[in-house]
Protein backbone atom coordinates (compact mmCIF):
# COMPACT_ATOMS: atom_id res chain seq x y z
CA MET A 1 -21.62 -6.16 -52.37
CA THR A 2 -23.20 -3.26 -54.28
CA THR A 3 -23.84 0.34 -53.30
CA GLY A 4 -27.54 -0.01 -54.10
CA PHE A 5 -27.41 2.38 -57.04
CA THR A 6 -29.88 2.17 -59.92
CA ASP A 7 -28.98 2.79 -63.54
CA MET A 8 -32.28 4.09 -64.86
CA HIS A 9 -31.24 4.80 -68.46
CA CYS A 10 -29.40 2.28 -70.63
CA HIS A 11 -29.64 0.34 -73.89
CA ILE A 12 -28.65 -3.14 -72.75
CA LEU A 13 -31.62 -5.18 -73.97
CA PRO A 14 -30.19 -7.11 -76.93
CA GLY A 15 -31.14 -6.57 -80.55
CA VAL A 16 -33.92 -4.02 -80.15
CA ASP A 17 -32.25 -0.66 -80.86
CA ASP A 18 -28.81 0.88 -81.44
CA GLY A 19 -27.56 -0.54 -78.14
CA SER A 20 -26.43 -4.08 -77.37
CA PRO A 21 -26.57 -6.25 -80.50
CA ASP A 22 -26.70 -9.65 -78.80
CA MET A 23 -27.10 -11.55 -75.53
CA GLU A 24 -23.36 -11.94 -74.98
CA THR A 25 -22.79 -8.18 -75.12
CA SER A 26 -25.78 -7.55 -72.86
CA LEU A 27 -24.45 -9.90 -70.19
CA GLN A 28 -21.02 -8.24 -70.38
CA MET A 29 -22.67 -4.85 -69.93
CA LEU A 30 -24.67 -6.05 -66.94
CA GLU A 31 -21.52 -7.47 -65.36
CA LYS A 32 -19.87 -4.07 -65.83
CA GLU A 33 -22.90 -2.40 -64.19
CA TRP A 34 -22.51 -4.68 -61.16
CA ASN A 35 -18.78 -3.98 -60.94
CA GLU A 36 -19.53 -0.24 -61.10
CA GLY A 37 -21.69 -0.53 -57.98
CA VAL A 38 -25.12 -0.78 -59.61
CA GLY A 39 -27.61 -3.14 -57.97
CA ALA A 40 -30.68 -2.44 -60.14
CA VAL A 41 -31.02 -1.59 -63.82
CA ILE A 42 -34.01 -0.23 -65.70
CA LEU A 43 -33.58 -1.23 -69.33
CA THR A 44 -34.84 1.60 -71.55
CA PRO A 45 -34.80 0.66 -75.24
CA HIS A 46 -35.74 3.45 -77.62
CA TYR A 47 -39.40 3.92 -78.45
CA ILE A 48 -39.79 5.74 -81.78
CA GLN A 49 -43.26 6.04 -83.27
CA ARG A 50 -43.60 3.78 -86.34
CA HIS A 51 -39.86 3.03 -86.38
CA ASN A 52 -39.36 0.48 -83.61
CA ARG A 53 -37.50 -2.72 -84.42
CA TYR A 54 -39.78 -4.73 -82.13
CA ARG A 55 -43.42 -5.29 -81.25
CA HIS A 56 -44.64 -4.39 -77.78
CA ASP A 57 -45.08 -8.02 -76.71
CA GLU A 58 -41.69 -9.03 -78.16
CA LEU A 59 -39.95 -6.53 -75.90
CA GLU A 60 -41.27 -8.22 -72.79
CA LYS A 61 -40.20 -11.64 -74.10
CA ARG A 62 -36.66 -10.44 -74.77
CA PHE A 63 -36.52 -8.79 -71.39
CA GLU A 64 -37.50 -12.04 -69.66
CA GLU A 65 -34.86 -13.97 -71.62
CA LEU A 66 -32.17 -11.52 -70.52
CA ARG A 67 -33.41 -11.54 -66.93
CA GLN A 68 -33.16 -15.32 -66.75
CA LYS A 69 -29.67 -15.37 -68.29
CA SER A 70 -28.54 -12.61 -65.94
CA LYS A 71 -29.69 -14.57 -62.89
CA GLU A 72 -27.23 -17.33 -63.76
CA ILE A 73 -24.18 -15.08 -63.39
CA LEU A 74 -25.48 -12.11 -61.35
CA PRO A 75 -28.22 -13.49 -59.08
CA GLU A 76 -28.50 -10.33 -56.95
CA LEU A 77 -28.74 -7.85 -59.82
CA ARG A 78 -32.33 -6.70 -60.33
CA LEU A 79 -33.61 -5.87 -63.81
CA PHE A 80 -36.68 -3.85 -64.80
CA LEU A 81 -38.17 -2.71 -68.09
CA GLY A 82 -38.96 0.74 -69.41
CA ASN A 83 -38.62 2.78 -72.59
CA GLU A 84 -36.76 5.89 -73.65
CA ILE A 85 -39.51 7.66 -75.57
CA LEU A 86 -38.74 10.03 -78.44
CA TYR A 87 -41.51 12.54 -77.78
CA GLU A 88 -43.21 13.30 -81.08
CA PRO A 89 -46.82 13.58 -82.32
CA GLY A 90 -48.74 10.41 -81.53
CA VAL A 91 -46.80 9.46 -78.41
CA ALA A 92 -49.54 10.67 -76.05
CA GLU A 93 -52.05 8.33 -77.70
CA SER A 94 -49.59 5.42 -77.52
CA LEU A 95 -49.13 6.08 -73.80
CA ARG A 96 -52.89 6.11 -73.24
CA ASN A 97 -53.22 2.82 -75.11
CA GLY A 98 -50.47 1.12 -73.11
CA ARG A 99 -48.14 0.61 -76.08
CA ILE A 100 -45.19 2.19 -74.26
CA HIS A 101 -43.44 0.83 -71.18
CA THR A 102 -43.26 3.16 -68.20
CA MET A 103 -40.31 2.99 -65.81
CA ALA A 104 -40.56 -0.35 -64.02
CA GLY A 105 -44.36 -0.21 -64.25
CA SER A 106 -44.55 3.12 -62.37
CA ARG A 107 -46.06 6.44 -63.43
CA TYR A 108 -42.59 7.73 -64.30
CA ILE A 109 -41.72 7.90 -68.00
CA LEU A 110 -38.37 8.67 -69.64
CA ILE A 111 -38.73 11.08 -72.57
CA GLU A 112 -36.21 12.48 -75.02
CA PHE A 113 -36.30 14.99 -77.87
CA ARG A 114 -34.41 15.84 -81.03
CA VAL A 115 -31.38 17.88 -79.93
CA THR A 116 -32.53 20.91 -81.97
CA ILE A 117 -35.99 21.00 -80.37
CA GLU A 118 -37.27 24.38 -79.26
CA GLU A 119 -37.88 25.25 -75.63
CA GLU A 120 -41.63 25.71 -76.00
CA TYR A 121 -42.04 22.21 -77.45
CA ILE A 122 -40.36 20.69 -74.38
CA PHE A 123 -42.75 22.63 -72.11
CA LYS A 124 -45.71 21.46 -74.19
CA ALA A 125 -44.59 17.82 -73.95
CA VAL A 126 -44.13 18.03 -70.18
CA ARG A 127 -47.61 19.55 -69.77
CA GLU A 128 -49.08 16.80 -71.91
CA CYS A 129 -47.41 14.11 -69.81
CA THR A 130 -48.40 15.56 -66.45
CA ASP A 131 -51.97 16.13 -67.64
CA MET A 132 -52.16 12.36 -68.30
CA GLY A 133 -50.93 11.66 -64.76
CA TYR A 134 -47.34 10.74 -65.66
CA LYS A 135 -44.12 11.97 -64.08
CA PRO A 136 -41.85 12.84 -67.02
CA ILE A 137 -38.09 12.43 -66.74
CA ILE A 138 -36.23 14.40 -69.42
CA ALA A 139 -33.40 12.19 -70.65
CA HIS A 140 -29.87 13.60 -71.03
CA VAL A 141 -31.12 17.15 -70.51
CA GLU A 142 -27.63 18.51 -71.20
CA ARG A 143 -28.08 17.89 -74.97
CA TYR A 144 -30.94 20.15 -76.01
CA PHE A 145 -29.87 23.34 -77.75
CA GLY A 146 -33.12 25.15 -76.94
CA ILE A 147 -32.48 25.12 -73.18
CA GLN A 148 -28.70 24.88 -72.87
CA GLY A 149 -27.42 27.48 -70.42
CA ASN A 150 -30.97 28.56 -69.55
CA PHE A 151 -31.49 28.02 -65.83
CA GLU A 152 -34.78 29.93 -65.94
CA ALA A 153 -36.19 27.43 -68.45
CA LEU A 154 -35.03 24.50 -66.33
CA GLU A 155 -36.64 25.96 -63.23
CA GLY A 156 -39.86 26.37 -65.17
CA LEU A 157 -39.78 22.76 -66.34
CA ILE A 158 -39.17 21.54 -62.80
CA ARG A 159 -42.07 23.65 -61.47
CA GLN A 160 -44.25 22.13 -64.17
CA GLY A 161 -43.42 18.62 -62.93
CA ALA A 162 -40.44 17.55 -65.01
CA LEU A 163 -37.51 15.65 -63.53
CA LEU A 164 -34.11 16.08 -65.14
CA GLN A 165 -31.58 13.35 -65.97
CA CYS A 166 -27.90 13.70 -66.95
CA ASN A 167 -25.60 11.05 -68.37
CA THR A 168 -22.62 9.87 -66.35
CA GLN A 169 -20.26 10.50 -69.25
CA ALA A 170 -21.40 14.12 -69.47
CA VAL A 171 -20.68 14.63 -65.77
CA THR A 172 -17.14 13.28 -66.19
CA ALA A 173 -16.38 14.80 -69.62
CA GLY A 174 -13.36 17.02 -70.10
CA PHE A 175 -13.45 20.79 -69.53
CA THR A 176 -13.54 21.49 -73.28
CA ASP A 177 -16.77 19.53 -73.65
CA GLY A 178 -19.64 22.02 -73.71
CA GLU A 179 -22.36 19.55 -72.75
CA GLY A 180 -20.18 18.32 -69.91
CA ARG A 181 -19.68 21.81 -68.48
CA TRP A 182 -23.42 22.45 -68.67
CA ALA A 183 -24.20 19.11 -67.04
CA ARG A 184 -21.86 19.81 -64.12
CA LYS A 185 -23.39 23.26 -63.57
CA MET A 186 -26.86 21.70 -63.37
CA VAL A 187 -25.63 19.04 -60.96
CA LYS A 188 -23.96 21.59 -58.69
CA LYS A 189 -27.18 23.65 -58.57
CA GLY A 190 -29.13 20.59 -57.48
CA MET A 191 -31.35 20.61 -60.57
CA ILE A 192 -30.58 17.06 -61.67
CA ARG A 193 -32.75 14.34 -60.15
CA PHE A 194 -31.29 11.31 -61.92
CA ILE A 195 -27.91 10.18 -63.20
CA GLY A 196 -27.92 7.36 -65.77
CA THR A 197 -25.27 5.75 -67.92
CA ASP A 198 -27.14 5.78 -71.26
CA ALA A 199 -24.84 2.83 -72.03
CA HIS A 200 -24.98 1.41 -75.55
CA ASP A 201 -21.98 -0.92 -75.76
CA MET A 202 -18.78 -2.06 -74.08
CA ASN A 203 -16.51 0.41 -75.85
CA LYS A 204 -17.17 4.13 -76.25
CA ARG A 205 -20.50 4.07 -74.40
CA SER A 206 -20.00 1.42 -71.75
CA PRO A 207 -21.76 1.47 -68.36
CA GLN A 208 -19.67 3.87 -66.25
CA TYR A 209 -20.92 4.87 -62.83
CA LYS A 210 -18.17 5.07 -60.21
CA LYS A 211 -16.34 8.06 -61.69
CA ALA A 212 -19.48 10.19 -61.86
CA TYR A 213 -20.47 9.21 -58.33
CA GLU A 214 -17.04 10.17 -56.99
CA TRP A 215 -17.17 13.55 -58.74
CA ILE A 216 -20.63 14.34 -57.34
CA VAL A 217 -19.60 13.28 -53.84
CA THR A 218 -16.57 15.59 -54.04
CA LYS A 219 -18.52 18.58 -55.33
CA CYS A 220 -21.96 18.11 -53.78
CA GLY A 221 -21.67 15.58 -50.96
CA ALA A 222 -22.65 11.95 -50.52
CA ASP A 223 -26.31 12.71 -49.72
CA MET A 224 -26.90 14.50 -53.02
CA ALA A 225 -24.99 11.83 -54.95
CA GLY A 226 -27.14 9.14 -53.38
CA LYS A 227 -30.36 10.97 -54.24
CA MET A 228 -29.36 11.29 -57.90
CA MET A 229 -28.31 7.68 -58.23
CA LYS A 230 -31.17 5.92 -56.47
CA MET A 231 -34.86 5.68 -57.34
CA PRO A 232 -37.57 7.74 -55.62
CA PHE A 233 -40.07 4.95 -56.31
CA ALA A 234 -40.09 1.36 -55.13
CA LEU A 235 -38.58 -1.29 -57.39
CA THR A 236 -40.17 -4.64 -56.62
């Protein structure tokens, strides 16, 4: 029995980015997701303009292969496809042309930036996305130097239509971890809309969910934890 949580940010699709290297690892990661209480997973391989290791149509084929293999051992676990999009020049055109996967076929898109990106570039990217009719989710928002510690900037991004995502490992990081402290402050203020594992492997970056959920329940209550760890759009 699962809790009905959704991991909406992970690199479990095999052999397409710096995440899982093969089918065996991917299946181990999905089994860990299930054991952590996750009932649905949106697979979000990196999309990097002109530097992807896959073609658009190949991604869907690999996804279907993993989905079929997963059904054999985890028949109730639901899998969906998306992309984690490095937002750089040219991405808007690729979105318009359908070369990028949205989150489970919705109007939500998961976008990331170089960690040194400036605040105004993030605002520009969010405006560009919302102008095209998308709902941008800023991946691991705790990482970006240009907005770290700046609640005013975060409030502005949210007003502009951005949704903010933190990684589970940031939420549960030790007190000396600067990104972790910042992540927990954002969570406590109710600014984070999504929690995702950003899992890449079965070792240092494995799918960990329970610990973050328990921390959020303790500090913010079960209702807020549930809102951050479930999808606001239907997964069919």
